[in-house]
PDB file of N, CA and C in Angstrom:
ATOM      1  N   MET A   1     100.112   9.345 189.179  1.00  0.00           N
ATOM      2  CA  MET A   1      99.974   9.672 187.774  1.00  0.00           C
ATOM      3  C   MET A   1     101.353  10.036 187.215  1.00  0.00           C
ATOM      4  N   PRO A   2     101.708   9.476 186.059  1.00  0.00           N
ATOM      5  CA  PRO A   2     103.027   9.773 185.497  1.00  0.00           C
ATOM      6  C   PRO A   2     103.127  11.225 185.040  1.00  0.00           C
ATOM      7  N   GLU A   3     104.350  11.752 185.092  1.00  0.00           N
ATOM      8  CA  GLU A   3     104.601  13.128 184.666  1.00  0.00           C
ATOM      9  C   GLU A   3     105.002  13.142 183.197  1.00  0.00           C
ATOM     10  N   PHE A   4     104.245  13.860 182.377  1.00  0.00           N
ATOM     11  CA  PHE A   4     104.546  13.959 180.957  1.00  0.00           C
ATOM     12  C   PHE A   4     105.583  15.052 180.725  1.00  0.00           C
ATOM     13  N   VAL A   5     106.545  14.756 179.840  1.00  0.00           N
ATOM     14  CA  VAL A   5     107.623  15.671 179.508  1.00  0.00           C
ATOM     15  C   VAL A   5     107.592  15.917 178.003  1.00  0.00           C
ATOM     16  N   THR A   6     107.664  17.194 177.603  1.00  0.00           N
ATOM     17  CA  THR A   6     107.728  17.521 176.176  1.00  0.00           C
ATOM     18  C   THR A   6     109.100  17.135 175.657  1.00  0.00           C
ATOM     19  N   VAL A   7     109.111  16.322 174.578  1.00  0.00           N
ATOM     20  CA  VAL A   7     110.376  15.833 174.017  1.00  0.00           C
ATOM     21  C   VAL A   7     110.600  16.272 172.572  1.00  0.00           C
ATOM     22  N   ALA A   8     109.557  16.744 171.901  1.00  0.00           N
ATOM     23  CA  ALA A   8     109.673  17.124 170.493  1.00  0.00           C
ATOM     24  C   ALA A   8     108.384  17.802 170.056  1.00  0.00           C
ATOM     25  N   THR A   9     108.384  18.246 168.807  1.00  0.00           N
ATOM     26  CA  THR A   9     107.148  18.710 168.190  1.00  0.00           C
ATOM     27  C   THR A   9     106.712  17.662 167.172  1.00  0.00           C
ATOM     28  N   VAL A  10     105.443  17.684 166.845  1.00  0.00           N
ATOM     29  CA  VAL A  10     104.913  16.740 165.860  1.00  0.00           C
ATOM     30  C   VAL A  10     105.690  16.868 164.551  1.00  0.00           C
ATOM     31  N   GLU A  11     106.043  18.094 164.178  1.00  0.00           N
ATOM     32  CA  GLU A  11     106.761  18.336 162.925  1.00  0.00           C
ATOM     33  C   GLU A  11     108.161  17.722 162.914  1.00  0.00           C
ATOM     34  N   ASP A  12     108.730  17.471 164.086  1.00  0.00           N
ATOM     35  CA  ASP A  12     110.065  16.864 164.176  1.00  0.00           C
ATOM     36  C   ASP A  12     110.069  15.404 163.722  1.00  0.00           C
ATOM     37  N   PHE A  13     108.894  14.776 163.689  1.00  0.00           N
ATOM     38  CA  PHE A  13     108.781  13.342 163.401  1.00  0.00           C
ATOM     39  C   PHE A  13     107.804  13.092 162.259  1.00  0.00           C
ATOM     40  N   PRO A  14     108.271  13.130 161.024  1.00  0.00           N
ATOM     41  CA  PRO A  14     107.374  12.777 159.921  1.00  0.00           C
ATOM     42  C   PRO A  14     106.909  11.326 160.075  1.00  0.00           C
ATOM     43  N   PRO A  15     105.735  10.982 159.548  1.00  0.00           N
ATOM     44  CA  PRO A  15     105.270   9.593 159.624  1.00  0.00           C
ATOM     45  C   PRO A  15     106.329   8.616 159.097  1.00  0.00           C
ATOM     46  N   GLY A  16     106.476   7.499 159.810  1.00  0.00           N
ATOM     47  CA  GLY A  16     107.437   6.468 159.421  1.00  0.00           C
ATOM     48  C   GLY A  16     108.834   6.682 159.964  1.00  0.00           C
ATOM     49  N   THR A  17     108.993   7.663 160.869  1.00  0.00           N
ATOM     50  CA  THR A  17     110.319   7.937 161.412  1.00  0.00           C
ATOM     51  C   THR A  17     110.347   7.725 162.920  1.00  0.00           C
ATOM     52  N   GLY A  18     111.553   7.664 163.444  1.00  0.00           N
ATOM     53  CA  GLY A  18     111.756   7.541 164.877  1.00  0.00           C
ATOM     54  C   GLY A  18     113.154   7.987 165.243  1.00  0.00           C
ATOM     55  N   ARG A  19     113.355   8.202 166.524  1.00  0.00           N
ATOM     56  CA  ARG A  19     114.685   8.534 167.043  1.00  0.00           C
ATOM     57  C   ARG A  19     114.652   8.450 168.559  1.00  0.00           C
ATOM     58  N   THR A  20     115.800   8.648 169.132  1.00  0.00           N
ATOM     59  CA  THR A  20     115.944   8.569 170.580  1.00  0.00           C
ATOM     60  C   THR A  20     115.724   9.941 171.201  1.00  0.00           C
ATOM     61  N   VAL A  21     114.968   9.960 172.303  1.00  0.00           N
ATOM     62  CA  VAL A  21     114.745  11.186 173.066  1.00  0.00           C
ATOM     63  C   VAL A  21     115.021  10.886 174.539  1.00  0.00           C
ATOM     64  N   GLU A  22     115.251  11.944 175.312  1.00  0.00           N
ATOM     65  CA  GLU A  22     115.514  11.774 176.740  1.00  0.00           C
ATOM     66  C   GLU A  22     114.284  12.188 177.542  1.00  0.00           C
ATOM     67  N   VAL A  23     113.893  11.326 178.472  1.00  0.00           N
ATOM     68  CA  VAL A  23     112.774  11.606 179.363  1.00  0.00           C
ATOM     69  C   VAL A  23     113.264  11.396 180.789  1.00  0.00           C
ATOM     70  N   GLN A  24     113.405  12.471 181.528  1.00  0.00           N
ATOM     71  CA  GLN A  24     113.840  12.418 182.922  1.00  0.00           C
ATOM     72  C   GLN A  24     115.104  11.573 183.091  1.00  0.00           C
ATOM     73  N   GLY A  25     116.082  11.789 182.213  1.00  0.00           N
ATOM     74  CA  GLY A  25     117.359  11.105 182.304  1.00  0.00           C
ATOM     75  C   GLY A  25     117.385   9.697 181.726  1.00  0.00           C
ATOM     76  N   VAL A  26     116.295   9.258 181.097  1.00  0.00           N
ATOM     77  CA  VAL A  26     116.206   7.917 180.514  1.00  0.00           C
ATOM     78  C   VAL A  26     116.048   8.058 179.002  1.00  0.00           C
ATOM     79  N   TRP A  27     116.789   7.235 178.233  1.00  0.00           N
ATOM     80  CA  TRP A  27     116.690   7.267 176.780  1.00  0.00           C
ATOM     81  C   TRP A  27     115.528   6.397 176.327  1.00  0.00           C
ATOM     82  N   ILE A  28     114.649   7.005 175.530  1.00  0.00           N
ATOM     83  CA  ILE A  28     113.430   6.376 175.032  1.00  0.00           C
ATOM     84  C   ILE A  28     113.443   6.467 173.500  1.00  0.00           C
ATOM     85  N   ALA A  29     112.967   5.419 172.837  1.00  0.00           N
ATOM     86  CA  ALA A  29     112.816   5.443 171.382  1.00  0.00           C
ATOM     87  C   ALA A  29     111.391   5.895 171.066  1.00  0.00           C
ATOM     88  N   LEU A  30     111.268   6.947 170.285  1.00  0.00           N
ATOM     89  CA  LEU A  30     109.973   7.542 169.946  1.00  0.00           C
ATOM     90  C   LEU A  30     109.741   7.402 168.446  1.00  0.00           C
ATOM     91  N   PHE A  31     108.524   6.988 168.067  1.00  0.00           N
ATOM     92  CA  PHE A  31     108.199   6.715 166.665  1.00  0.00           C
ATOM     93  C   PHE A  31     106.867   7.335 166.281  1.00  0.00           C
ATOM     94  N   ASN A  32     106.770   7.740 165.010  1.00  0.00           N
ATOM     95  CA  ASN A  32     105.518   8.204 164.418  1.00  0.00           C
ATOM     96  C   ASN A  32     105.107   7.160 163.388  1.00  0.00           C
ATOM     97  N   VAL A  33     104.013   6.469 163.652  1.00  0.00           N
ATOM     98  CA  VAL A  33     103.482   5.472 162.727  1.00  0.00           C
ATOM     99  C   VAL A  33     102.159   6.009 162.185  1.00  0.00           C
ATOM    100  N   ASP A  34     102.182   6.499 160.970  1.00  0.00           N
ATOM    101  CA  ASP A  34     100.984   7.023 160.311  1.00  0.00           C
ATOM    102  C   ASP A  34     100.249   8.070 161.151  1.00  0.00           C
ATOM    103  N   GLY A  35     101.015   8.926 161.836  1.00  0.00           N
ATOM    104  CA  GLY A  35     100.417   9.992 162.626  1.00  0.00           C
ATOM    105  C   GLY A  35     100.153   9.652 164.081  1.00  0.00           C
ATOM    106  N   SER A  36     100.339   8.396 164.471  1.00  0.00           N
ATOM    107  CA  SER A  36     100.216   7.997 165.876  1.00  0.00           C
ATOM    108  C   SER A  36     101.615   7.824 166.453  1.00  0.00           C
ATOM    109  N   PHE A  37     101.819   8.326 167.669  1.00  0.00           N
ATOM    110  CA  PHE A  37     103.139   8.291 168.288  1.00  0.00           C
ATOM    111  C   PHE A  37     103.216   7.182 169.337  1.00  0.00           C
ATOM    112  N   TYR A  38     104.373   6.520 169.363  1.00  0.00           N
ATOM    113  CA  TYR A  38     104.629   5.423 170.302  1.00  0.00           C
ATOM    114  C   TYR A  38     106.023   5.605 170.885  1.00  0.00           C
ATOM    115  N   ALA A  39     106.167   5.259 172.154  1.00  0.00           N
ATOM    116  CA  ALA A  39     107.460   5.354 172.821  1.00  0.00           C
ATOM    117  C   ALA A  39     107.749   4.038 173.535  1.00  0.00           C
ATOM    118  N   VAL A  40     108.985   3.565 173.375  1.00  0.00           N
ATOM    119  CA  VAL A  40     109.413   2.312 173.998  1.00  0.00           C
ATOM    120  C   VAL A  40     110.809   2.497 174.578  1.00  0.00           C
ATOM    121  N   ASP A  41     111.188   1.562 175.429  1.00  0.00           N
ATOM    122  CA  ASP A  41     112.551   1.535 175.951  1.00  0.00           C
ATOM    123  C   ASP A  41     113.514   1.523 174.764  1.00  0.00           C
ATOM    124  N   ASN A  42     114.542   2.349 174.806  1.00  0.00           N
ATOM    125  CA  ASN A  42     115.490   2.432 173.699  1.00  0.00           C
ATOM    126  C   ASN A  42     116.457   1.256 173.662  1.00  0.00           C
ATOM    127  N   THR A  43     116.558   0.490 174.732  1.00  0.00           N
ATOM    128  CA  THR A  43     117.568  -0.559 174.838  1.00  0.00           C
ATOM    129  C   THR A  43     116.998  -1.919 174.453  1.00  0.00           C
ATOM    130  N   CYS A  44     117.560  -2.513 173.418  1.00  0.00           N
ATOM    131  CA  CYS A  44     117.146  -3.860 173.005  1.00  0.00           C
ATOM    132  C   CYS A  44     117.596  -4.862 174.065  1.00  0.00           C
ATOM    133  N   PRO A  45     116.719  -5.753 174.502  1.00  0.00           N
ATOM    134  CA  PRO A  45     117.088  -6.715 175.545  1.00  0.00           C
ATOM    135  C   PRO A  45     118.087  -7.776 175.079  1.00  0.00           C
ATOM    136  N   HIS A  46     118.284  -7.916 173.795  1.00  0.00           N
ATOM    137  CA  HIS A  46     119.218  -8.927 173.285  1.00  0.00           C
ATOM    138  C   HIS A  46     120.667  -8.571 173.613  1.00  0.00           C
ATOM    139  N   ALA A  47     121.104  -7.386 173.178  1.00  0.00           N
ATOM    140  CA  ALA A  47     122.498  -7.005 173.401  1.00  0.00           C
ATOM    141  C   ALA A  47     122.655  -5.514 173.663  1.00  0.00           C
ATOM    142  N   GLY A  48     121.555  -4.833 174.002  1.00  0.00           N
ATOM    143  CA  GLY A  48     121.630  -3.423 174.370  1.00  0.00           C
ATOM    144  C   GLY A  48     121.643  -2.458 173.208  1.00  0.00           C
ATOM    145  N   GLY A  49     121.288  -2.912 172.019  1.00  0.00           N
ATOM    146  CA  GLY A  49     121.288  -2.037 170.845  1.00  0.00           C
ATOM    147  C   GLY A  49     120.296  -0.894 170.977  1.00  0.00           C
ATOM    148  N   PRO A  50     120.559   0.222 170.271  1.00  0.00           N
ATOM    149  CA  PRO A  50     119.697   1.410 170.342  1.00  0.00           C
ATOM    150  C   PRO A  50     118.501   1.302 169.392  1.00  0.00           C
ATOM    151  N   LEU A  51     117.346   0.965 169.918  1.00  0.00           N
ATOM    152  CA  LEU A  51     116.161   0.769 169.082  1.00  0.00           C
ATOM    153  C   LEU A  51     115.759   2.033 168.329  1.00  0.00           C
ATOM    154  N   GLY A  52     116.013   3.192 168.909  1.00  0.00           N
ATOM    155  CA  GLY A  52     115.677   4.453 168.241  1.00  0.00           C
ATOM    156  C   GLY A  52     116.447   4.683 166.956  1.00  0.00           C
ATOM    157  N   GLU A  53     117.507   3.921 166.734  1.00  0.00           N
ATOM    158  CA  GLU A  53     118.296   4.030 165.504  1.00  0.00           C
ATOM    159  C   GLU A  53     117.957   2.915 164.525  1.00  0.00           C
ATOM    160  N   GLY A  54     116.948   2.103 164.869  1.00  0.00           N
ATOM    161  CA  GLY A  54     116.592   0.963 164.034  1.00  0.00           C
ATOM    162  C   GLY A  54     115.717   1.333 162.857  1.00  0.00           C
ATOM    163  N   HIS A  55     115.386   0.316 162.068  1.00  0.00           N
ATOM    164  CA  HIS A  55     114.532   0.477 160.884  1.00  0.00           C
ATOM    165  C   HIS A  55     113.082   0.209 161.284  1.00  0.00           C
ATOM    166  N   LEU A  56     112.202   1.190 161.024  1.00  0.00           N
ATOM    167  CA  LEU A  56     110.787   1.072 161.341  1.00  0.00           C
ATOM    168  C   LEU A  56     110.022   0.660 160.100  1.00  0.00           C
ATOM    169  N   GLU A  57     109.268  -0.420 160.221  1.00  0.00           N
ATOM    170  CA  GLU A  57     108.398  -0.861 159.138  1.00  0.00           C
ATOM    171  C   GLU A  57     107.019  -1.132 159.731  1.00  0.00           C
ATOM    172  N   GLY A  58     106.058  -0.275 159.374  1.00  0.00           N
ATOM    173  CA  GLY A  58     104.742  -0.369 160.009  1.00  0.00           C
ATOM    174  C   GLY A  58     104.889  -0.092 161.490  1.00  0.00           C
ATOM    175  N   HIS A  59     104.377  -1.006 162.320  1.00  0.00           N
ATOM    176  CA  HIS A  59     104.472  -0.865 163.773  1.00  0.00           C
ATOM    177  C   HIS A  59     105.660  -1.626 164.363  1.00  0.00           C
ATOM    178  N   VAL A  60     106.570  -2.089 163.535  1.00  0.00           N
ATOM    179  CA  VAL A  60     107.664  -2.927 164.015  1.00  0.00           C
ATOM    180  C   VAL A  60     109.005  -2.220 163.822  1.00  0.00           C
ATOM    181  N   ILE A  61     109.764  -2.132 164.919  1.00  0.00           N
ATOM    182  CA  ILE A  61     111.113  -1.580 164.879  1.00  0.00           C
ATOM    183  C   ILE A  61     112.101  -2.739 164.910  1.00  0.00           C
ATOM    184  N   GLU A  62     113.129  -2.642 164.068  1.00  0.00           N
ATOM    185  CA  GLU A  62     114.175  -3.665 164.019  1.00  0.00           C
ATOM    186  C   GLU A  62     115.461  -3.081 164.586  1.00  0.00           C
ATOM    187  N   CYS A  63     116.023  -3.743 165.583  1.00  0.00           N
ATOM    188  CA  CYS A  63     117.256  -3.279 166.211  1.00  0.00           C
ATOM    189  C   CYS A  63     118.371  -3.236 165.163  1.00  0.00           C
ATOM    190  N   PRO A  64     119.151  -2.142 165.117  1.00  0.00           N
ATOM    191  CA  PRO A  64     120.201  -2.030 164.119  1.00  0.00           C
ATOM    192  C   PRO A  64     121.391  -2.953 164.369  1.00  0.00           C
ATOM    193  N   TRP A  65     121.519  -3.504 165.565  1.00  0.00           N
ATOM    194  CA  TRP A  65     122.684  -4.335 165.864  1.00  0.00           C
ATOM    195  C   TRP A  65     122.517  -5.779 165.400  1.00  0.00           C
ATOM    196  N   HIS A  66     121.419  -6.434 165.765  1.00  0.00           N
ATOM    197  CA  HIS A  66     121.276  -7.860 165.465  1.00  0.00           C
ATOM    198  C   HIS A  66     119.912  -8.241 164.903  1.00  0.00           C
ATOM    199  N   GLY A  67     119.089  -7.249 164.565  1.00  0.00           N
ATOM    200  CA  GLY A  67     117.847  -7.527 163.874  1.00  0.00           C
ATOM    201  C   GLY A  67     116.669  -7.969 164.723  1.00  0.00           C
ATOM    202  N   TRP A  68     116.789  -7.928 166.052  1.00  0.00           N
ATOM    203  CA  TRP A  68     115.615  -8.266 166.864  1.00  0.00           C
ATOM    204  C   TRP A  68     114.540  -7.235 166.582  1.00  0.00           C
ATOM    205  N   ARG A  69     113.291  -7.703 166.493  1.00  0.00           N
ATOM    206  CA  ARG A  69     112.164  -6.849 166.137  1.00  0.00           C
ATOM    207  C   ARG A  69     111.163  -6.768 167.282  1.00  0.00           C
ATOM    208  N   PHE A  70     110.535  -5.579 167.408  1.00  0.00           N
ATOM    209  CA  PHE A  70     109.542  -5.349 168.452  1.00  0.00           C
ATOM    210  C   PHE A  70     108.412  -4.491 167.906  1.00  0.00           C
ATOM    211  N   ASN A  71     107.183  -4.802 168.334  1.00  0.00           N
ATOM    212  CA  ASN A  71     106.021  -4.007 167.991  1.00  0.00           C
ATOM    213  C   ASN A  71     106.007  -2.785 168.903  1.00  0.00           C
ATOM    214  N   VAL A  72     106.009  -1.584 168.330  1.00  0.00           N
ATOM    215  CA  VAL A  72     106.077  -0.374 169.145  1.00  0.00           C
ATOM    216  C   VAL A  72     104.756  -0.075 169.856  1.00  0.00           C
ATOM    217  N   GLN A  73     103.658  -0.717 169.437  1.00  0.00           N
ATOM    218  CA  GLN A  73     102.372  -0.543 170.127  1.00  0.00           C
ATOM    219  C   GLN A  73     102.310  -1.366 171.398  1.00  0.00           C
ATOM    220  N   THR A  74     102.828  -2.591 171.335  1.00  0.00           N
ATOM    221  CA  THR A  74     102.663  -3.540 172.440  1.00  0.00           C
ATOM    222  C   THR A  74     103.955  -3.854 173.181  1.00  0.00           C
ATOM    223  N   GLY A  75     105.096  -3.598 172.550  1.00  0.00           N
ATOM    224  CA  GLY A  75     106.382  -3.964 173.128  1.00  0.00           C
ATOM    225  C   GLY A  75     106.764  -5.413 172.885  1.00  0.00           C
ATOM    226  N   GLU A  76     105.881  -6.207 172.264  1.00  0.00           N
ATOM    227  CA  GLU A  76     106.141  -7.636 172.062  1.00  0.00           C
ATOM    228  C   GLU A  76     107.064  -7.877 170.876  1.00  0.00           C
ATOM    229  N   ARG A  77     107.847  -8.923 170.998  1.00  0.00           N
ATOM    230  CA  ARG A  77     108.679  -9.396 169.891  1.00  0.00           C
ATOM    231  C   ARG A  77     107.818 -10.330 169.049  1.00  0.00           C
ATOM    232  N   PRO A  78     107.588 -10.024 167.756  1.00  0.00           N
ATOM    233  CA  PRO A  78     106.715 -10.874 166.934  1.00  0.00           C
ATOM    234  C   PRO A  78     107.150 -12.331 166.895  1.00  0.00           C
ATOM    235  N   GLU A  79     108.439 -12.575 166.922  1.00  0.00           N
ATOM    236  CA  GLU A  79     108.950 -13.939 166.856  1.00  0.00           C
ATOM    237  C   GLU A  79     108.806 -14.693 168.174  1.00  0.00           C
ATOM    238  N   ASN A  80     108.649 -13.958 169.279  1.00  0.00           N
ATOM    239  CA  ASN A  80     108.487 -14.578 170.595  1.00  0.00           C
ATOM    240  C   ASN A  80     107.816 -13.568 171.519  1.00  0.00           C
ATOM    241  N   PRO A  81     106.477 -13.575 171.624  1.00  0.00           N
ATOM    242  CA  PRO A  81     105.767 -12.579 172.426  1.00  0.00           C
ATOM    243  C   PRO A  81     106.082 -12.622 173.925  1.00  0.00           C
ATOM    244  N   ASN A  82     106.831 -13.631 174.366  1.00  0.00           N
ATOM    245  CA  ASN A  82     107.251 -13.668 175.771  1.00  0.00           C
ATOM    246  C   ASN A  82     108.402 -12.711 176.043  1.00  0.00           C
ATOM    247  N   ILE A  83     109.044 -12.221 174.996  1.00  0.00           N
ATOM    248  CA  ILE A  83     110.118 -11.234 175.133  1.00  0.00           C
ATOM    249  C   ILE A  83     109.533  -9.878 174.774  1.00  0.00           C
ATOM    250  N   THR A  84     109.604  -8.948 175.721  1.00  0.00           N
ATOM    251  CA  THR A  84     108.989  -7.635 175.508  1.00  0.00           C
ATOM    252  C   THR A  84     109.935  -6.514 175.915  1.00  0.00           C
ATOM    253  N   ILE A  85     109.611  -5.330 175.439  1.00  0.00           N
ATOM    254  CA  ILE A  85     110.251  -4.105 175.900  1.00  0.00           C
ATOM    255  C   ILE A  85     109.163  -3.227 176.503  1.00  0.00           C
ATOM    256  N   ALA A  86     109.570  -2.341 177.390  1.00  0.00           N
ATOM    257  CA  ALA A  86     108.610  -1.462 178.057  1.00  0.00           C
ATOM    258  C   ALA A  86     108.086  -0.400 177.097  1.00  0.00           C
ATOM    259  N   CYS A  87     106.804  -0.114 177.198  1.00  0.00           N
ATOM    260  CA  CYS A  87     106.155   0.954 176.439  1.00  0.00           C
ATOM    261  C   CYS A  87     105.857   2.115 177.382  1.00  0.00           C
ATOM    262  N   CYS A  88     105.906   3.331 176.857  1.00  0.00           N
ATOM    263  CA  CYS A  88     105.654   4.530 177.651  1.00  0.00           C
ATOM    264  C   CYS A  88     104.430   5.263 177.098  1.00  0.00           C
ATOM    265  N   PRO A  89     103.652   5.876 177.977  1.00  0.00           N
ATOM    266  CA  PRO A  89     102.524   6.678 177.504  1.00  0.00           C
ATOM    267  C   PRO A  89     103.004   7.889 176.700  1.00  0.00           C
ATOM    268  N   VAL A  90     102.279   8.197 175.630  1.00  0.00           N
ATOM    269  CA  VAL A  90     102.563   9.361 174.791  1.00  0.00           C
ATOM    270  C   VAL A  90     101.270  10.138 174.614  1.00  0.00           C
ATOM    271  N   ARG A  91     101.388  11.458 174.635  1.00  0.00           N
ATOM    272  CA  ARG A  91     100.232  12.296 174.322  1.00  0.00           C
ATOM    273  C   ARG A  91     100.703  13.479 173.487  1.00  0.00           C
ATOM    274  N   ILE A  92      99.762  14.038 172.741  1.00  0.00           N
ATOM    275  CA  ILE A  92     100.028  15.219 171.932  1.00  0.00           C
ATOM    276  C   ILE A  92      99.232  16.371 172.538  1.00  0.00           C
ATOM    277  N   GLU A  93      99.927  17.441 172.874  1.00  0.00           N
ATOM    278  CA  GLU A  93      99.302  18.655 173.396  1.00  0.00           C
ATOM    279  C   GLU A  93      99.635  19.774 172.418  1.00  0.00           C
ATOM    280  N   GLY A  94      98.639  20.197 171.640  1.00  0.00           N
ATOM    281  CA  GLY A  94      98.914  21.165 170.565  1.00  0.00           C
ATOM    282  C   GLY A  94      99.796  20.487 169.537  1.00  0.00           C
ATOM    283  N   ASN A  95     101.011  21.013 169.356  1.00  0.00           N
ATOM    284  CA  ASN A  95     101.964  20.347 168.464  1.00  0.00           C
ATOM    285  C   ASN A  95     103.121  19.718 169.242  1.00  0.00           C
ATOM    286  N   GLN A  96     102.995  19.652 170.556  1.00  0.00           N
ATOM    287  CA  GLN A  96     104.038  19.107 171.414  1.00  0.00           C
ATOM    288  C   GLN A  96     103.837  17.611 171.645  1.00  0.00           C
ATOM    289  N   VAL A  97     104.898  16.832 171.447  1.00  0.00           N
ATOM    290  CA  VAL A  97     104.874  15.407 171.746  1.00  0.00           C
ATOM    291  C   VAL A  97     105.396  15.245 173.163  1.00  0.00           C
ATOM    292  N   GLN A  98     104.584  14.619 174.006  1.00  0.00           N
ATOM    293  CA  GLN A  98     104.941  14.429 175.416  1.00  0.00           C
ATOM    294  C   GLN A  98     104.964  12.945 175.762  1.00  0.00           C
ATOM    295  N   VAL A  99     105.979  12.561 176.536  1.00  0.00           N
ATOM    296  CA  VAL A  99     106.165  11.170 176.946  1.00  0.00           C
ATOM    297  C   VAL A  99     106.293  11.128 178.462  1.00  0.00           C
ATOM    298  N   ALA A 100     105.752  10.075 179.058  1.00  0.00           N
ATOM    299  CA  ALA A 100     105.878   9.851 180.505  1.00  0.00           C
ATOM    300  C   ALA A 100     106.499   8.487 180.732  1.00  0.00           C
ATOM    301  N   LEU A 101     107.270   8.378 181.796  1.00  0.00           N
ATOM    302  CA  LEU A 101     107.815   7.091 182.184  1.00  0.00           C
ATOM    303  C   LEU A 101     106.804   6.370 183.064  1.00  0.00           C
ATOM    304  N   PRO A 102     106.529   5.102 182.787  1.00  0.00           N
ATOM    305  CA  PRO A 102     105.645   4.335 183.685  1.00  0.00           C
ATOM    306  C   PRO A 102     106.268   4.257 185.074  1.00  0.00           C
ATOM    307  N   GLU A 103     105.430   4.058 186.085  1.00  0.00           N
ATOM    308  CA  GLU A 103     105.923   4.014 187.464  1.00  0.00           C
ATOM    309  C   GLU A 103     106.975   2.934 187.675  1.00  0.00           C
ATOM    310  N   ASN A 104     106.817   1.788 187.016  1.00  0.00           N
ATOM    311  CA  ASN A 104     107.751   0.689 187.240  1.00  0.00           C
ATOM    312  C   ASN A 104     108.858   0.635 186.205  1.00  0.00           C
ATOM    313  N   PHE A 105     109.063   1.716 185.449  1.00  0.00           N
ATOM    314  CA  PHE A 105     110.070   1.718 184.400  1.00  0.00           C
ATOM    315  C   PHE A 105     111.462   1.686 185.016  1.00  0.00           C
ATOM    316  N   THR A 106     112.306   0.799 184.478  1.00  0.00           N
ATOM    317  CA  THR A 106     113.678   0.717 184.992  1.00  0.00           C
ATOM    318  C   THR A 106     114.678   0.939 183.900  1.00  0.00           C
TER     319      THR A 106
END
C-alpha cells in the first residue's frame, strides 16, 4: 500500500490552480479542478518542462515550455493518448491534501 504524505492544505489550492510539491524527494504537480485534487509527474516527457508551472484549463495542464498538454485525471495527452504521464493517488484528510507515489513511479 502506498504511503500518503501531507503536502498542503485544501485552502492552499483554490479551484483552478496548481503547483509543484515534493513527495518523498520526488517533484509532483498537484492541481485542484473544481474541488477535486489530482497529482501527476511534474516532468513533461517532451523536454522535461515543469508541468506544475503550466496553465490549467479544466482537466488539462499545458506545459509552459512547449505547450504539450495532459489530462490530469488520466495522464493522457489529448493529441496522442499513447503518450502519458504518471498519475499519483490523492486523498483529503480533514483539510490536509495527501499524495502517495505509486509503487512503480520513477
